């Protein structure tokens, strides 16, 4: 079989275009998958922390209820929609998912141990600590997944919370709602629009 140089170039071009389309399709599906979770958690942060700002006497109940509801919703969402939206299911992706899951599970006992050891003075310090610890987790995941955007997101929200705690503690919950929840929500919406 003789293939001319021109036919070979054309065939390679078709392969290249197909490869690029496949990569865009995978990235688009992954972005849609991630964007839904970012929107969900952004809304939870916004609603929960805004409620706490104006109903501090019920903060424990509001945060516990929203946290439990969010956890159940996230697990159900992943269980129900995950396999439908995941473009590639491989042993490597399953292992990665398990590592991320166990990272968050293991981080929680450390958080409570550190709170006991550091003995914060009030609930506001505990809140600021937990928010910055969550953002630390985001930054670590950004490093693992080679996503500078996620690293910067974690660092930016952490800086906003620390500055809010130091400069305007009376409005910290609302600031965290806007900085954390607003950032996750707008990022999720941006990803959804960009990757349609």
Protein backbone atom coordinates (compact mmCIF):
# COMPACT_ATOMS: atom_id res chain seq x y z
CA UNK A 1 0.00 0.00 0.00
CA UNK A 2 1.45 3.31 -1.06
CA UNK A 3 0.49 6.41 0.86
CA UNK A 4 1.51 9.73 -0.54
CA UNK A 5 3.03 12.42 1.64
CA UNK A 6 -0.09 14.52 1.17
CA UNK A 7 -2.41 11.66 2.26
CA UNK A 8 -0.25 10.98 5.31
CA UNK A 9 -0.36 14.66 6.32
CA UNK A 10 -4.13 14.73 5.87
CA UNK A 11 -4.56 11.58 7.98
CA UNK A 12 -2.34 12.97 10.73
CA UNK A 13 -4.34 16.19 10.65
CA UNK A 14 -7.61 14.27 11.11
CA UNK A 15 -6.09 12.35 14.02
CA UNK A 16 -4.87 15.61 15.62
CA UNK A 17 -8.30 17.30 15.28
CA UNK A 18 -10.04 14.21 16.72
CA UNK A 19 -7.58 14.10 19.62
CA UNK A 20 -8.16 17.79 20.42
CA UNK A 21 -11.95 17.36 20.27
CA UNK A 22 -11.75 14.36 22.61
CA UNK A 23 -9.64 16.31 25.13
CA UNK A 24 -12.04 19.27 24.98
CA UNK A 25 -15.00 16.92 25.50
CA UNK A 26 -13.40 15.29 28.54
CA UNK A 27 -12.42 18.67 30.00
CA UNK A 28 -15.91 20.02 29.35
CA UNK A 29 -17.60 17.10 31.13
CA UNK A 30 -15.21 17.35 34.08
CA UNK A 31 -15.82 21.12 34.31
CA UNK A 32 -19.60 20.62 34.31
CA UNK A 33 -19.22 17.97 37.02
CA UNK A 34 -17.02 20.22 39.19
CA UNK A 35 -19.08 23.34 38.52
CA UNK A 36 -22.24 21.75 39.94
CA UNK A 37 -20.45 20.95 43.19
CA UNK A 38 -18.96 24.45 43.38
CA UNK A 39 -22.42 25.99 42.90
CA UNK A 40 -23.90 23.70 45.57
CA UNK A 41 -21.23 24.46 48.15
CA UNK A 42 -21.15 28.15 47.23
CA UNK A 43 -24.89 28.40 47.93
CA UNK A 44 -24.45 26.51 51.21
CA UNK A 45 -21.68 28.87 52.36
CA UNK A 46 -23.64 31.94 51.29
CA UNK A 47 -26.93 30.91 52.88
CA UNK A 48 -25.49 29.35 56.02
CA UNK A 49 -23.03 32.06 56.94
CA UNK A 50 -25.41 34.89 56.08
CA UNK A 51 -27.97 33.28 58.43
CA UNK A 52 -25.35 32.93 61.15
CA UNK A 53 -24.35 36.60 60.78
CA UNK A 54 -27.86 37.68 61.73
CA UNK A 55 -28.82 34.77 64.04
CA UNK A 56 -25.65 34.04 66.00
CA UNK A 57 -27.57 32.54 68.90
CA UNK A 58 -28.54 29.68 66.57
CA UNK A 59 -25.17 29.35 64.81
CA UNK A 60 -24.49 25.80 65.97
CA UNK A 61 -27.87 24.56 64.75
CA UNK A 62 -27.70 26.43 61.45
CA UNK A 63 -24.18 25.24 60.62
CA UNK A 64 -24.78 21.67 61.80
CA UNK A 65 -28.02 21.43 59.83
CA UNK A 66 -26.58 22.92 56.67
CA UNK A 67 -23.39 20.87 56.99
CA UNK A 68 -25.27 17.60 57.41
CA UNK A 69 -27.70 18.47 54.64
CA UNK A 70 -24.86 19.49 52.34
CA UNK A 71 -22.93 16.31 53.05
CA UNK A 72 -25.94 14.11 52.30
CA UNK A 73 -26.77 16.14 49.18
CA UNK A 74 -23.18 15.93 47.93
CA UNK A 75 -22.94 12.18 48.48
CA UNK A 76 -26.32 11.58 46.81
CA UNK A 77 -25.39 13.87 43.93
CA UNK A 78 -22.08 12.10 43.33
CA UNK A 79 -23.70 8.69 43.68
CA UNK A 80 -26.57 9.54 41.35
CA UNK A 81 -24.99 11.80 38.76
CA UNK A 82 -21.31 10.96 38.99
CA UNK A 83 -21.27 7.86 36.81
CA UNK A 84 -23.48 9.54 34.19
CA UNK A 85 -21.24 12.57 33.83
CA UNK A 86 -17.84 10.98 34.24
CA UNK A 87 -16.38 10.58 30.79
CA UNK A 88 -13.55 8.28 31.79
CA UNK A 89 -13.89 5.70 34.54
CA UNK A 90 -10.56 4.13 35.28
CA UNK A 91 -8.81 2.53 38.21
CA UNK A 92 -6.64 5.64 38.47
CA UNK A 93 -9.66 7.98 38.71
CA UNK A 94 -11.28 5.75 41.35
CA UNK A 95 -8.05 5.74 43.37
CA UNK A 96 -7.81 9.52 43.08
CA UNK A 97 -11.41 9.95 44.23
CA UNK A 98 -10.74 7.68 47.22
CA UNK A 99 -7.58 9.64 48.12
CA UNK A 100 -9.45 12.95 48.01
CA UNK A 101 -12.30 11.50 50.05
CA UNK A 102 -9.97 10.11 52.71
CA UNK A 103 -7.93 13.32 52.78
CA UNK A 104 -11.05 15.24 53.87
CA UNK A 105 -12.09 12.50 56.31
CA UNK A 106 -8.64 12.43 57.94
CA UNK A 107 -8.38 16.23 58.06
CA UNK A 108 -11.43 16.47 60.35
CA UNK A 109 -10.00 14.70 63.43
CA UNK A 110 -6.90 16.86 63.09
CA UNK A 111 -9.09 19.95 63.07
CA UNK A 112 -10.79 18.94 66.30
CA UNK A 113 -7.49 17.90 67.90
CA UNK A 114 -5.93 21.25 67.01
CA UNK A 115 -8.93 23.10 68.42
CA UNK A 116 -8.53 21.20 71.69
CA UNK A 117 -4.78 21.82 71.80
CA UNK A 118 -4.87 25.48 70.78
CA UNK A 119 -7.86 26.30 73.00
CA UNK A 120 -9.37 29.18 71.04
CA UNK A 121 -10.85 31.99 73.10
CA UNK A 122 -14.24 32.12 71.40
CA UNK A 123 -16.49 30.71 68.69
CA UNK A 124 -15.27 33.31 66.20
CA UNK A 125 -11.72 31.98 66.42
CA UNK A 126 -12.98 28.42 65.94
CA UNK A 127 -14.98 29.56 62.93
CA UNK A 128 -12.03 31.40 61.37
CA UNK A 129 -9.82 28.39 62.01
CA UNK A 130 -12.27 25.93 60.40
CA UNK A 131 -12.75 28.15 57.33
CA UNK A 132 -9.03 28.59 56.80
CA UNK A 133 -8.49 24.86 57.32
CA UNK A 134 -11.06 24.13 54.59
CA UNK A 135 -9.24 26.59 52.31
CA UNK A 136 -5.96 24.85 53.17
CA UNK A 137 -7.61 21.66 51.91
CA UNK A 138 -8.62 23.41 48.68
CA UNK A 139 -5.06 24.63 48.18
CA UNK A 140 -3.63 21.15 48.75
CA UNK A 141 -6.07 19.69 46.23
CA UNK A 142 -5.05 22.40 43.79
CA UNK A 143 -1.44 21.30 44.17
CA UNK A 144 -2.34 17.62 43.75
CA UNK A 145 -4.36 18.28 40.62
CA UNK A 146 -1.98 20.89 39.20
CA UNK A 147 -4.65 23.60 39.35
CA UNK A 148 -3.13 26.98 40.20
CA UNK A 149 -6.64 28.47 40.16
CA UNK A 150 -7.75 26.27 43.07
CA UNK A 151 -4.55 27.08 45.00
CA UNK A 152 -5.13 30.81 44.49
CA UNK A 153 -8.80 30.42 45.43
CA UNK A 154 -7.84 28.80 48.74
CA UNK A 155 -5.17 31.39 49.50
CA UNK A 156 -7.41 34.34 48.56
CA UNK A 157 -10.35 33.24 50.69
CA UNK A 158 -7.95 32.49 53.56
CA UNK A 159 -6.50 36.00 53.32
CA UNK A 160 -10.01 37.52 53.28
CA UNK A 161 -11.03 35.56 56.38
CA UNK A 162 -7.86 36.43 58.30
CA UNK A 163 -8.17 40.10 57.38
CA UNK A 164 -11.87 40.06 58.27
CA UNK A 165 -11.12 38.46 61.63
CA UNK A 166 -8.45 41.03 62.41
CA UNK A 167 -10.12 44.15 61.01
CA UNK A 168 -13.87 43.58 61.31
CA UNK A 169 -14.74 40.58 63.48
CA UNK A 170 -18.35 41.74 63.90
CA UNK A 171 -18.94 41.10 60.19
CA UNK A 172 -16.75 38.02 59.76
CA UNK A 173 -19.58 35.58 59.02
CA UNK A 174 -20.98 37.77 56.26
CA UNK A 175 -17.49 38.38 54.85
CA UNK A 176 -16.83 34.63 54.83
CA UNK A 177 -20.21 34.07 53.14
CA UNK A 178 -19.29 36.50 50.38
CA UNK A 179 -15.60 35.58 50.08
CA UNK A 180 -15.97 31.81 50.34
CA UNK A 181 -19.50 31.16 49.14
CA UNK A 182 -19.53 33.94 46.58
CA UNK A 183 -16.21 32.82 45.12
CA UNK A 184 -17.28 29.18 44.85
CA UNK A 185 -20.67 30.12 43.40
CA UNK A 186 -19.33 32.53 40.77
CA UNK A 187 -16.54 30.11 39.86
CA UNK A 188 -19.04 27.31 39.37
CA UNK A 189 -21.28 29.51 37.23
CA UNK A 190 -18.29 30.76 35.22
CA UNK A 191 -17.13 27.19 34.59
CA UNK A 192 -20.63 26.15 33.56
CA UNK A 193 -20.94 29.02 31.06
CA UNK A 194 -17.39 28.73 29.74
CA UNK A 195 -17.55 24.98 29.13
CA UNK A 196 -21.02 24.70 27.57
